[in-house]
Amino acid sequence: MMSALPDRAQDRQLDLFRAVRGDIATRDAQDLMSWPFFSLAKSKRVTPIHFKMGDVAIAVEATHEHGMATIWDADILIWAASQIVEARDRGRPTSRLMTTKPHELLSFIGRGTGGDHYDRLKAALDRLQSTTVATSIRQAHQRRHHRFSWINEWKERLDETGRPLGIEMILPDWFYAGVLDSGLILTIDRAYFALTGGMERWLYRLVRKHGGRQVNGWSFEVGHLHLKSGMLIPRRRFLFKLRGIVHAQSLPGYVLALETIADKEMLNFRPLPLDPFDLAQRRVRHGRGQKR
């Protein structure tokens, strides 16, 4: 089992960053959108992910107690990235030490705010904290790996009756540094949170990262996609599930198509035209951000 060893002295010196309130844009970290960092299964996964492609190496390991962090747990990291970028754009100081009220975080990621949802949030935080990652991404040399957990530490604050007042968490430096790099962040459609399938969610993030707003879209060979997913299912089963997603056309903002070229199954995707009203709203939000 790999261990993430945060700099405790540095963590104690962190300033507390309180979450920004109100309607903010949803942002995602491109590194997390491109590579297999999370389990896509709803059942507990303890089998490690070992991935190598070119200069990129990734190893993800989980504990038997909590299992591997899932792509649904990663919603917390999307919330964190959105908060940090919004605060930075407003000229506010940011920090890896963050605090928020549970219902604010849950509402942002499209979850309910009842007691059972709070319990699931705590379980997600446990998986993020206990899952360990080693990667060569953003390292000066491909043989050098950065080791971390998705959350260094987290704790809840309660009142005298046991009612939750807030949650504090410390993000790893690898994630935080990537979020502060504006070239490594993308906005995503808030409808992403309504996607229920793990493979469906992973595919949206990959399509958003590589397809962007390119008029002619992008394409991937199915075998390449299977490898990048990190899923344990055989390729034939993967293709079956992929066909179901293509048939449903459920990815917000994109049209998918499967075709065979030179005996290779290819997934093609292209963006839908932006809605004029949505485009105007984005311009208004961008203008407000520039004024702050």
C-alpha atoms as a PDB file:
ATOM      1  CA  MET A   1       0.000   0.000   0.000  1.00  0.00           C
ATOM      2  CA  MET A   2       1.453   3.366  -0.981  1.00  0.00           C
ATOM      3  CA  SER A   3       1.307   6.093   1.626  1.00  0.00           C
ATOM      4  CA  ALA A   4       0.767   9.804   1.074  1.00  0.00           C
ATOM      5  CA  LEU A   5       2.835  11.832   3.506  1.00  0.00           C
ATOM      6  CA  PRO A   6       1.578  15.425   3.713  1.00  0.00           C
ATOM      7  CA  ASP A   7       3.821  18.112   5.146  1.00  0.00           C
ATOM      8  CA  ARG A   8       2.109  18.437   8.536  1.00  0.00           C
ATOM      9  CA  ALA A   9       4.028  21.565   9.523  1.00  0.00           C
ATOM     10  CA  GLN A  10       3.020  23.232   6.261  1.00  0.00           C
ATOM     11  CA  ASP A  11      -0.609  22.099   6.675  1.00  0.00           C
ATOM     12  CA  ARG A  12      -0.799  23.684  10.128  1.00  0.00           C
ATOM     13  CA  GLN A  13       0.292  27.021   8.658  1.00  0.00           C
ATOM     14  CA  LEU A  14      -2.424  27.128   6.003  1.00  0.00           C
ATOM     15  CA  ASP A  15      -4.947  29.944   6.090  1.00  0.00           C
ATOM     16  CA  LEU A  16      -8.577  28.833   6.150  1.00  0.00           C
ATOM     17  CA  PHE A  17     -10.436  29.444   2.880  1.00  0.00           C
ATOM     18  CA  ARG A  18     -14.196  29.798   3.320  1.00  0.00           C
ATOM     19  CA  ALA A  19     -16.287  28.700   0.364  1.00  0.00           C
ATOM     20  CA  VAL A  20     -17.683  31.339  -1.973  1.00  0.00           C
ATOM     21  CA  ARG A  21     -21.460  31.592  -1.792  1.00  0.00           C
ATOM     22  CA  GLY A  22     -23.885  32.067  -4.644  1.00  0.00           C
ATOM     23  CA  ASP A  23     -24.083  30.805  -8.210  1.00  0.00           C
ATOM     24  CA  ILE A  24     -20.622  30.086  -9.589  1.00  0.00           C
ATOM     25  CA  ALA A  25     -19.384  28.354 -12.746  1.00  0.00           C
ATOM     26  CA  THR A  26     -18.605  24.637 -12.607  1.00  0.00           C
ATOM     27  CA  ARG A  27     -14.943  23.917 -13.281  1.00  0.00           C
ATOM     28  CA  ASP A  28     -13.020  20.700 -13.677  1.00  0.00           C
ATOM     29  CA  ALA A  29      -9.304  19.878 -13.663  1.00  0.00           C
ATOM     30  CA  GLN A  30      -8.125  18.688 -17.079  1.00  0.00           C
ATOM     31  CA  ASP A  31      -5.700  16.145 -15.620  1.00  0.00           C
ATOM     32  CA  LEU A  32      -8.592  14.438 -13.831  1.00  0.00           C
ATOM     33  CA  MET A  33     -10.702  14.524 -16.989  1.00  0.00           C
ATOM     34  CA  SER A  34      -8.085  12.821 -19.153  1.00  0.00           C
ATOM     35  CA  TRP A  35      -6.760   9.899 -17.141  1.00  0.00           C
ATOM     36  CA  PRO A  36      -8.031   6.913 -15.088  1.00  0.00           C
ATOM     37  CA  PHE A  37      -7.911   8.194 -11.514  1.00  0.00           C
ATOM     38  CA  PHE A  38     -11.274   6.936 -10.186  1.00  0.00           C
ATOM     39  CA  SER A  39     -13.410   3.834 -10.002  1.00  0.00           C
ATOM     40  CA  LEU A  40     -16.367   4.021 -12.397  1.00  0.00           C
ATOM     41  CA  ALA A  41     -18.277   1.287 -10.535  1.00  0.00           C
ATOM     42  CA  LYS A  42     -21.021   1.819  -7.954  1.00  0.00           C
ATOM     43  CA  SER A  43     -19.865  -1.280  -6.076  1.00  0.00           C
ATOM     44  CA  LYS A  44     -16.730  -1.132  -3.910  1.00  0.00           C
ATOM     45  CA  ARG A  45     -13.479  -1.475  -5.856  1.00  0.00           C
ATOM     46  CA  VAL A  46     -10.217  -2.427  -4.164  1.00  0.00           C
ATOM     47  CA  THR A  47      -8.359  -3.675  -7.264  1.00  0.00           C
ATOM     48  CA  PRO A  48      -5.660  -1.085  -8.036  1.00  0.00           C
ATOM     49  CA  ILE A  49      -5.450   0.919 -11.245  1.00  0.00           C
ATOM     50  CA  HIS A  50      -2.051   0.618 -12.941  1.00  0.00           C
ATOM     51  CA  PHE A  51      -1.877   2.701 -16.114  1.00  0.00           C
ATOM     52  CA  LYS A  52       1.006   3.546 -18.428  1.00  0.00           C
ATOM     53  CA  MET A  53       0.813   5.410 -21.714  1.00  0.00           C
ATOM     54  CA  GLY A  54       3.825   7.223 -23.129  1.00  0.00           C
ATOM     55  CA  ASP A  55       5.276   9.466 -20.424  1.00  0.00           C
ATOM     56  CA  VAL A  56       2.150   9.178 -18.266  1.00  0.00           C
ATOM     57  CA  ALA A  57       2.151   6.687 -15.413  1.00  0.00           C
ATOM     58  CA  ILE A  58      -0.635   6.378 -12.839  1.00  0.00           C
ATOM     59  CA  ALA A  59      -1.103   4.010  -9.903  1.00  0.00           C
ATOM     60  CA  VAL A  60      -4.224   4.244  -7.746  1.00  0.00           C
ATOM     61  CA  GLU A  61      -4.668   2.058  -4.655  1.00  0.00           C
ATOM     62  CA  ALA A  62      -7.503   1.693  -2.179  1.00  0.00           C
ATOM     63  CA  THR A  63      -8.085   0.289   1.293  1.00  0.00           C
ATOM     64  CA  HIS A  64     -10.356  -2.686   1.919  1.00  0.00           C
ATOM     65  CA  GLU A  65     -12.205  -0.660   4.553  1.00  0.00           C
ATOM     66  CA  HIS A  66     -13.349   2.179   2.277  1.00  0.00           C
ATOM     67  CA  GLY A  67     -12.626   1.104  -1.299  1.00  0.00           C
ATOM     68  CA  MET A  68     -11.353   3.302  -4.113  1.00  0.00           C
ATOM     69  CA  ALA A  69     -12.618   6.862  -4.604  1.00  0.00           C
ATOM     70  CA  THR A  70     -15.304   6.875  -7.296  1.00  0.00           C
ATOM     71  CA  ILE A  71     -16.152   9.270 -10.091  1.00  0.00           C
ATOM     72  CA  TRP A  72     -19.139  10.383  -7.967  1.00  0.00           C
ATOM     73  CA  ASP A  73     -16.752  11.182  -5.091  1.00  0.00           C
ATOM     74  CA  ALA A  74     -14.781  13.313  -7.574  1.00  0.00           C
ATOM     75  CA  ASP A  75     -17.728  15.742  -7.571  1.00  0.00           C
ATOM     76  CA  ILE A  76     -16.238  17.084  -4.325  1.00  0.00           C
ATOM     77  CA  LEU A  77     -13.027  17.895  -6.192  1.00  0.00           C
ATOM     78  CA  ILE A  78     -15.038  19.608  -8.941  1.00  0.00           C
ATOM     79  CA  TRP A  79     -16.687  21.713  -6.224  1.00  0.00           C
ATOM     80  CA  ALA A  80     -13.260  22.519  -4.757  1.00  0.00           C
ATOM     81  CA  ALA A  81     -11.812  23.490  -8.151  1.00  0.00           C
ATOM     82  CA  SER A  82     -14.843  25.689  -8.868  1.00  0.00           C
ATOM     83  CA  GLN A  83     -14.468  27.433  -5.520  1.00  0.00           C
ATOM     84  CA  ILE A  84     -10.743  28.071  -5.865  1.00  0.00           C
ATOM     85  CA  VAL A  85     -10.978  29.448  -9.414  1.00  0.00           C
ATOM     86  CA  GLU A  86     -13.958  31.647  -8.550  1.00  0.00           C
ATOM     87  CA  ALA A  87     -12.180  33.106  -5.522  1.00  0.00           C
ATOM     88  CA  ARG A  88      -8.989  33.680  -7.501  1.00  0.00           C
ATOM     89  CA  ASP A  89     -10.918  35.457 -10.261  1.00  0.00           C
ATOM     90  CA  ARG A  90     -12.542  37.704  -7.639  1.00  0.00           C
ATOM     91  CA  GLY A  91      -9.131  38.603  -6.250  1.00  0.00           C
ATOM     92  CA  ARG A  92      -9.671  36.665  -3.025  1.00  0.00           C
ATOM     93  CA  PRO A  93      -6.873  34.639  -1.394  1.00  0.00           C
ATOM     94  CA  THR A  94      -7.211  30.874  -1.715  1.00  0.00           C
ATOM     95  CA  SER A  95      -5.842  27.951   0.253  1.00  0.00           C
ATOM     96  CA  ARG A  96      -5.637  24.165   0.267  1.00  0.00           C
ATOM     97  CA  LEU A  97      -7.461  24.292   3.622  1.00  0.00           C
ATOM     98  CA  MET A  98     -11.137  24.768   2.788  1.00  0.00           C
ATOM     99  CA  THR A  99     -14.305  24.945   4.849  1.00  0.00           C
ATOM    100  CA  THR A 100     -17.956  24.871   3.832  1.00  0.00           C
ATOM    101  CA  LYS A 101     -21.376  23.935   5.134  1.00  0.00           C
ATOM    102  CA  PRO A 102     -22.443  20.449   4.002  1.00  0.00           C
ATOM    103  CA  HIS A 103     -25.706  21.607   2.431  1.00  0.00           C
ATOM    104  CA  GLU A 104     -23.853  24.186   0.290  1.00  0.00           C
ATOM    105  CA  LEU A 105     -21.486  21.559  -1.117  1.00  0.00           C
ATOM    106  CA  LEU A 106     -24.281  19.013  -1.619  1.00  0.00           C
ATOM    107  CA  SER A 107     -26.513  21.561  -3.359  1.00  0.00           C
ATOM    108  CA  PHE A 108     -23.707  22.555  -5.739  1.00  0.00           C
ATOM    109  CA  ILE A 109     -23.142  18.968  -6.886  1.00  0.00           C
ATOM    110  CA  GLY A 110     -26.849  18.283  -7.294  1.00  0.00           C
ATOM    111  CA  ARG A 111     -27.400  16.060  -4.259  1.00  0.00           C
ATOM    112  CA  GLY A 112     -30.080  16.102  -1.600  1.00  0.00           C
ATOM    113  CA  THR A 113     -29.317  17.737   1.745  1.00  0.00           C
ATOM    114  CA  GLY A 114     -30.928  15.283   4.177  1.00  0.00           C
ATOM    115  CA  GLY A 115     -29.148  13.212   6.811  1.00  0.00           C
ATOM    116  CA  ASP A 116     -28.625  10.204   4.529  1.00  0.00           C
ATOM    117  CA  HIS A 117     -26.990  12.434   1.902  1.00  0.00           C
ATOM    118  CA  TYR A 118     -24.703  13.890   4.569  1.00  0.00           C
ATOM    119  CA  ASP A 119     -23.684  10.366   5.593  1.00  0.00           C
ATOM    120  CA  ARG A 120     -22.862   9.588   1.945  1.00  0.00           C
ATOM    121  CA  LEU A 121     -20.832  12.781   1.755  1.00  0.00           C
ATOM    122  CA  LYS A 122     -18.749  11.680   4.735  1.00  0.00           C
ATOM    123  CA  ALA A 123     -18.246   8.250   3.176  1.00  0.00           C
ATOM    124  CA  ALA A 124     -17.076   9.959  -0.042  1.00  0.00           C
ATOM    125  CA  LEU A 125     -14.600  12.074   1.938  1.00  0.00           C
ATOM    126  CA  ASP A 126     -13.285   8.914   3.598  1.00  0.00           C
ATOM    127  CA  ARG A 127     -12.699   7.283   0.211  1.00  0.00           C
ATOM    128  CA  LEU A 128     -10.968  10.392  -1.149  1.00  0.00           C
ATOM    129  CA  GLN A 129      -8.728  10.542   1.914  1.00  0.00           C
ATOM    130  CA  SER A 130      -7.848   6.831   1.959  1.00  0.00           C
ATOM    131  CA  THR A 131      -7.273   6.411  -1.795  1.00  0.00           C
ATOM    132  CA  THR A 132      -3.599   6.916  -2.684  1.00  0.00           C
ATOM    133  CA  VAL A 133      -2.251   8.052  -6.044  1.00  0.00           C
ATOM    134  CA  ALA A 134       1.212   8.064  -7.600  1.00  0.00           C
ATOM    135  CA  THR A 135       1.620   9.783 -10.971  1.00  0.00           C
ATOM    136  CA  SER A 136       4.276  11.154 -13.291  1.00  0.00           C
ATOM    137  CA  ILE A 137       1.892  13.838 -14.584  1.00  0.00           C
ATOM    138  CA  ARG A 138       3.336  17.349 -14.225  1.00  0.00           C
ATOM    139  CA  GLN A 139       6.638  15.997 -12.964  1.00  0.00           C
ATOM    140  CA  ALA A 140       9.951  17.190 -14.387  1.00  0.00           C
ATOM    141  CA  HIS A 141      11.006  13.621 -15.221  1.00  0.00           C
ATOM    142  CA  GLN A 142       8.733  10.695 -16.091  1.00  0.00           C
ATOM    143  CA  ARG A 143      10.519   8.493 -13.555  1.00  0.00           C
ATOM    144  CA  ARG A 144       9.680  10.931 -10.788  1.00  0.00           C
ATOM    145  CA  HIS A 145       6.254  10.329  -9.232  1.00  0.00           C
ATOM    146  CA  HIS A 146       4.170  12.571  -7.013  1.00  0.00           C
ATOM    147  CA  ARG A 147       2.362  10.584  -4.289  1.00  0.00           C
ATOM    148  CA  PHE A 148      -0.729  11.910  -2.532  1.00  0.00           C
ATOM    149  CA  SER A 149      -4.292  11.259  -1.405  1.00  0.00           C
ATOM    150  CA  TRP A 150      -7.149  13.236  -2.929  1.00  0.00           C
ATOM    151  CA  ILE A 151      -7.741  14.785   0.492  1.00  0.00           C
ATOM    152  CA  ASN A 152      -4.911  15.004   3.023  1.00  0.00           C
ATOM    153  CA  GLU A 153      -7.244  15.393   5.991  1.00  0.00           C
ATOM    154  CA  TRP A 154     -10.873  16.240   6.694  1.00  0.00           C
ATOM    155  CA  LYS A 155     -12.983  16.853   9.760  1.00  0.00           C
ATOM    156  CA  GLU A 156     -16.524  17.861  10.616  1.00  0.00           C
ATOM    157  CA  ARG A 157     -17.602  20.524  13.070  1.00  0.00           C
ATOM    158  CA  LEU A 158     -20.755  19.887  15.130  1.00  0.00           C
ATOM    159  CA  ASP A 159     -22.824  21.962  17.544  1.00  0.00           C
ATOM    160  CA  GLU A 160     -23.709  20.793  21.052  1.00  0.00           C
ATOM    161  CA  THR A 161     -26.674  18.802  19.715  1.00  0.00           C
ATOM    162  CA  GLY A 162     -24.600  16.989  17.115  1.00  0.00           C
ATOM    163  CA  ARG A 163     -25.925  19.023  14.190  1.00  0.00           C
ATOM    164  CA  PRO A 164     -23.273  19.502  11.476  1.00  0.00           C
ATOM    165  CA  LEU A 165     -21.950  23.070  11.284  1.00  0.00           C
ATOM    166  CA  GLY A 166     -19.324  22.606   8.622  1.00  0.00           C
ATOM    167  CA  ILE A 167     -16.649  20.478   7.016  1.00  0.00           C
ATOM    168  CA  GLU A 168     -12.964  21.297   6.734  1.00  0.00           C
ATOM    169  CA  MET A 169     -10.605  19.570   4.306  1.00  0.00           C
ATOM    170  CA  ILE A 170      -7.009  19.916   3.154  1.00  0.00           C
ATOM    171  CA  LEU A 171      -6.401  19.368  -0.549  1.00  0.00           C
ATOM    172  CA  PRO A 172      -3.143  17.876  -1.853  1.00  0.00           C
ATOM    173  CA  ASP A 173      -0.604  20.245  -3.375  1.00  0.00           C
ATOM    174  CA  TRP A 174      -0.623  18.345  -6.717  1.00  0.00           C
ATOM    175  CA  PHE A 175      -4.342  19.006  -7.194  1.00  0.00           C
ATOM    176  CA  TYR A 176      -4.230  22.569  -5.859  1.00  0.00           C
ATOM    177  CA  ALA A 177      -1.340  23.580  -8.131  1.00  0.00           C
ATOM    178  CA  GLY A 178      -3.198  22.219 -11.165  1.00  0.00           C
ATOM    179  CA  VAL A 179      -6.333  24.167 -10.280  1.00  0.00           C
ATOM    180  CA  LEU A 180      -4.404  27.429  -9.956  1.00  0.00           C
ATOM    181  CA  ASP A 181      -2.991  26.934 -13.459  1.00  0.00           C
ATOM    182  CA  SER A 182      -5.711  28.488 -15.640  1.00  0.00           C
ATOM    183  CA  GLY A 183      -4.512  26.431 -18.613  1.00  0.00           C
ATOM    184  CA  LEU A 184      -5.425  23.226 -16.787  1.00  0.00           C
ATOM    185  CA  ILE A 185      -9.036  24.120 -15.933  1.00  0.00           C
ATOM    186  CA  LEU A 186     -12.194  23.806 -18.036  1.00  0.00           C
ATOM    187  CA  THR A 187     -15.786  24.781 -17.372  1.00  0.00           C
ATOM    188  CA  ILE A 188     -18.229  21.899 -17.575  1.00  0.00           C
ATOM    189  CA  ASP A 189     -21.988  21.728 -17.997  1.00  0.00           C
ATOM    190  CA  ARG A 190     -23.848  21.652 -14.673  1.00  0.00           C
ATOM    191  CA  ALA A 191     -25.989  18.890 -16.223  1.00  0.00           C
ATOM    192  CA  TYR A 192     -22.971  16.613 -15.705  1.00  0.00           C
ATOM    193  CA  PHE A 193     -24.070  16.059 -12.110  1.00  0.00           C
ATOM    194  CA  ALA A 194     -27.330  14.509 -13.338  1.00  0.00           C
ATOM    195  CA  LEU A 195     -25.506  11.744 -15.246  1.00  0.00           C
ATOM    196  CA  THR A 196     -26.051   8.530 -13.308  1.00  0.00           C
ATOM    197  CA  GLY A 197     -23.662   6.064 -14.957  1.00  0.00           C
ATOM    198  CA  GLY A 198     -19.984   5.960 -14.035  1.00  0.00           C
ATOM    199  CA  MET A 199     -18.861   5.269 -17.597  1.00  0.00           C
ATOM    200  CA  GLU A 200     -21.238   7.959 -18.842  1.00  0.00           C
ATOM    201  CA  ARG A 201     -19.706  10.531 -16.474  1.00  0.00           C
ATOM    202  CA  TRP A 202     -16.153   9.523 -17.355  1.00  0.00           C
ATOM    203  CA  LEU A 203     -16.921   9.742 -21.070  1.00  0.00           C
ATOM    204  CA  TYR A 204     -18.406  13.240 -20.742  1.00  0.00           C
ATOM    205  CA  ARG A 205     -15.282  14.519 -18.989  1.00  0.00           C
ATOM    206  CA  LEU A 206     -13.035  12.933 -21.628  1.00  0.00           C
ATOM    207  CA  VAL A 207     -15.142  14.305 -24.486  1.00  0.00           C
ATOM    208  CA  ARG A 208     -15.241  17.773 -22.905  1.00  0.00           C
ATOM    209  CA  LYS A 209     -11.468  17.726 -22.473  1.00  0.00           C
ATOM    210  CA  HIS A 210     -10.601  16.579 -26.004  1.00  0.00           C
ATOM    211  CA  GLY A 211     -13.613  17.702 -28.050  1.00  0.00           C
ATOM    212  CA  GLY A 212     -14.023  21.125 -26.503  1.00  0.00           C
ATOM    213  CA  ARG A 213     -15.841  23.418 -28.927  1.00  0.00           C
ATOM    214  CA  GLN A 214     -14.082  22.148 -32.066  1.00  0.00           C
ATOM    215  CA  VAL A 215     -16.605  22.249 -34.901  1.00  0.00           C
ATOM    216  CA  ASN A 216     -15.348  19.006 -36.420  1.00  0.00           C
ATOM    217  CA  GLY A 217     -15.164  17.274 -33.070  1.00  0.00           C
ATOM    218  CA  TRP A 218     -12.733  14.529 -32.188  1.00  0.00           C
ATOM    219  CA  SER A 219     -12.463  10.744 -32.316  1.00  0.00           C
ATOM    220  CA  PHE A 220     -10.993   7.898 -30.286  1.00  0.00           C
ATOM    221  CA  GLU A 221     -10.359   4.257 -31.115  1.00  0.00           C
ATOM    222  CA  VAL A 222     -12.506   2.097 -28.809  1.00  0.00           C
ATOM    223  CA  GLY A 223      -9.550   0.028 -27.590  1.00  0.00           C
ATOM    224  CA  HIS A 224      -7.778   3.234 -26.582  1.00  0.00           C
ATOM    225  CA  LEU A 225     -10.875   4.373 -24.697  1.00  0.00           C
ATOM    226  CA  HIS A 226     -11.134   1.029 -22.914  1.00  0.00           C
ATOM    227  CA  LEU A 227      -7.547   1.382 -21.701  1.00  0.00           C
ATOM    228  CA  LYS A 228      -8.026   4.976 -20.557  1.00  0.00           C
ATOM    229  CA  SER A 229     -11.161   4.106 -18.593  1.00  0.00           C
ATOM    230  CA  GLY A 230      -9.315   1.891 -16.123  1.00  0.00           C
ATOM    231  CA  MET A 231     -12.407  -0.354 -15.996  1.00  0.00           C
ATOM    232  CA  LEU A 232     -12.107  -4.035 -15.111  1.00  0.00           C
ATOM    233  CA  ILE A 233     -14.706  -5.221 -17.624  1.00  0.00           C
ATOM    234  CA  PRO A 234     -13.571  -6.921 -20.879  1.00  0.00           C
ATOM    235  CA  ARG A 235     -13.424  -4.898 -24.076  1.00  0.00           C
ATOM    236  CA  ARG A 236     -16.528  -6.578 -25.542  1.00  0.00           C
ATOM    237  CA  ARG A 237     -18.578  -5.552 -22.506  1.00  0.00           C
ATOM    238  CA  PHE A 238     -17.075  -2.068 -22.658  1.00  0.00           C
ATOM    239  CA  LEU A 239     -18.144  -1.707 -26.306  1.00  0.00           C
ATOM    240  CA  PHE A 240     -21.658  -2.905 -25.428  1.00  0.00           C
ATOM    241  CA  LYS A 241     -21.986  -0.223 -22.733  1.00  0.00           C
ATOM    242  CA  LEU A 242     -20.509   2.387 -25.070  1.00  0.00           C
ATOM    243  CA  ARG A 243     -23.131   1.581 -27.705  1.00  0.00           C
ATOM    244  CA  GLY A 244     -25.815   2.122 -25.082  1.00  0.00           C
ATOM    245  CA  ILE A 245     -24.456   5.584 -24.266  1.00  0.00           C
ATOM    246  CA  VAL A 246     -24.270   6.472 -27.971  1.00  0.00           C
ATOM    247  CA  HIS A 247     -27.863   5.306 -28.444  1.00  0.00           C
ATOM    248  CA  ALA A 248     -29.081   7.370 -25.467  1.00  0.00           C
ATOM    249  CA  GLN A 249     -27.166  10.531 -26.565  1.00  0.00           C
ATOM    250  CA  SER A 250     -27.115  11.595 -22.926  1.00  0.00           C
ATOM    251  CA  LEU A 251     -23.892  13.617 -22.797  1.00  0.00           C
ATOM    252  CA  PRO A 252     -24.802  17.313 -22.419  1.00  0.00           C
ATOM    253  CA  GLY A 253     -23.582  19.447 -25.306  1.00  0.00           C
ATOM    254  CA  TYR A 254     -22.232  16.648 -27.526  1.00  0.00           C
ATOM    255  CA  VAL A 255     -23.353  14.219 -30.226  1.00  0.00           C
ATOM    256  CA  LEU A 256     -21.711  10.795 -30.296  1.00  0.00           C
ATOM    257  CA  ALA A 257     -21.375   8.285 -33.110  1.00  0.00           C
ATOM    258  CA  LEU A 258     -19.690   4.908 -33.532  1.00  0.00           C
ATOM    259  CA  GLU A 259     -18.246   3.809 -36.864  1.00  0.00           C
ATOM    260  CA  THR A 260     -15.787   1.250 -38.171  1.00  0.00           C
ATOM    261  CA  ILE A 261     -12.753   2.548 -40.076  1.00  0.00           C
ATOM    262  CA  ALA A 262     -10.106   0.135 -41.408  1.00  0.00           C
ATOM    263  CA  ASP A 263     -11.430  -2.614 -39.114  1.00  0.00           C
ATOM    264  CA  LYS A 264     -11.219  -0.326 -36.080  1.00  0.00           C
ATOM    265  CA  GLU A 265     -14.192   0.749 -33.992  1.00  0.00           C
ATOM    266  CA  MET A 266     -14.071   4.528 -33.576  1.00  0.00           C
ATOM    267  CA  LEU A 267     -16.054   6.822 -31.294  1.00  0.00           C
ATOM    268  CA  ASN A 268     -16.644  10.216 -32.885  1.00  0.00           C
ATOM    269  CA  PHE A 269     -18.001  13.196 -30.981  1.00  0.00           C
ATOM    270  CA  ARG A 270     -18.749  16.780 -31.857  1.00  0.00           C
ATOM    271  CA  PRO A 271     -20.222  19.688 -29.896  1.00  0.00           C
ATOM    272  CA  LEU A 272     -23.776  20.870 -30.341  1.00  0.00           C
ATOM    273  CA  PRO A 273     -24.188  24.567 -31.291  1.00  0.00           C
ATOM    274  CA  LEU A 274     -24.280  26.772 -28.206  1.00  0.00           C
ATOM    275  CA  ASP A 275     -27.687  28.098 -27.245  1.00  0.00           C
ATOM    276  CA  PRO A 276     -27.682  31.933 -27.781  1.00  0.00           C
ATOM    277  CA  PHE A 277     -29.321  32.551 -24.386  1.00  0.00           C
ATOM    278  CA  ASP A 278     -26.764  30.332 -22.637  1.00  0.00           C
ATOM    279  CA  LEU A 279     -23.947  32.126 -24.458  1.00  0.00           C
ATOM    280  CA  ALA A 280     -25.313  35.510 -23.339  1.00  0.00           C
ATOM    281  CA  GLN A 281     -25.515  34.289 -19.736  1.00  0.00           C
ATOM    282  CA  ARG A 282     -21.888  33.153 -19.874  1.00  0.00           C
ATOM    283  CA  ARG A 283     -20.836  36.576 -21.137  1.00  0.00           C
ATOM    284  CA  VAL A 284     -22.705  38.260 -18.282  1.00  0.00           C
ATOM    285  CA  ARG A 285     -21.032  35.992 -15.703  1.00  0.00           C
ATOM    286  CA  HIS A 286     -17.633  36.605 -17.289  1.00  0.00           C
ATOM    287  CA  GLY A 287     -18.224  40.361 -17.196  1.00  0.00           C
ATOM    288  CA  ARG A 288     -19.107  40.223 -13.517  1.00  0.00           C
ATOM    289  CA  GLY A 289     -15.963  38.232 -12.810  1.00  0.00           C
ATOM    290  CA  GLN A 290     -13.834  40.857 -14.592  1.00  0.00           C
ATOM    291  CA  LYS A 291     -15.346  43.667 -12.508  1.00  0.00           C
ATOM    292  CA  ARG A 292     -14.716  41.972  -9.170  1.00  0.00           C
END
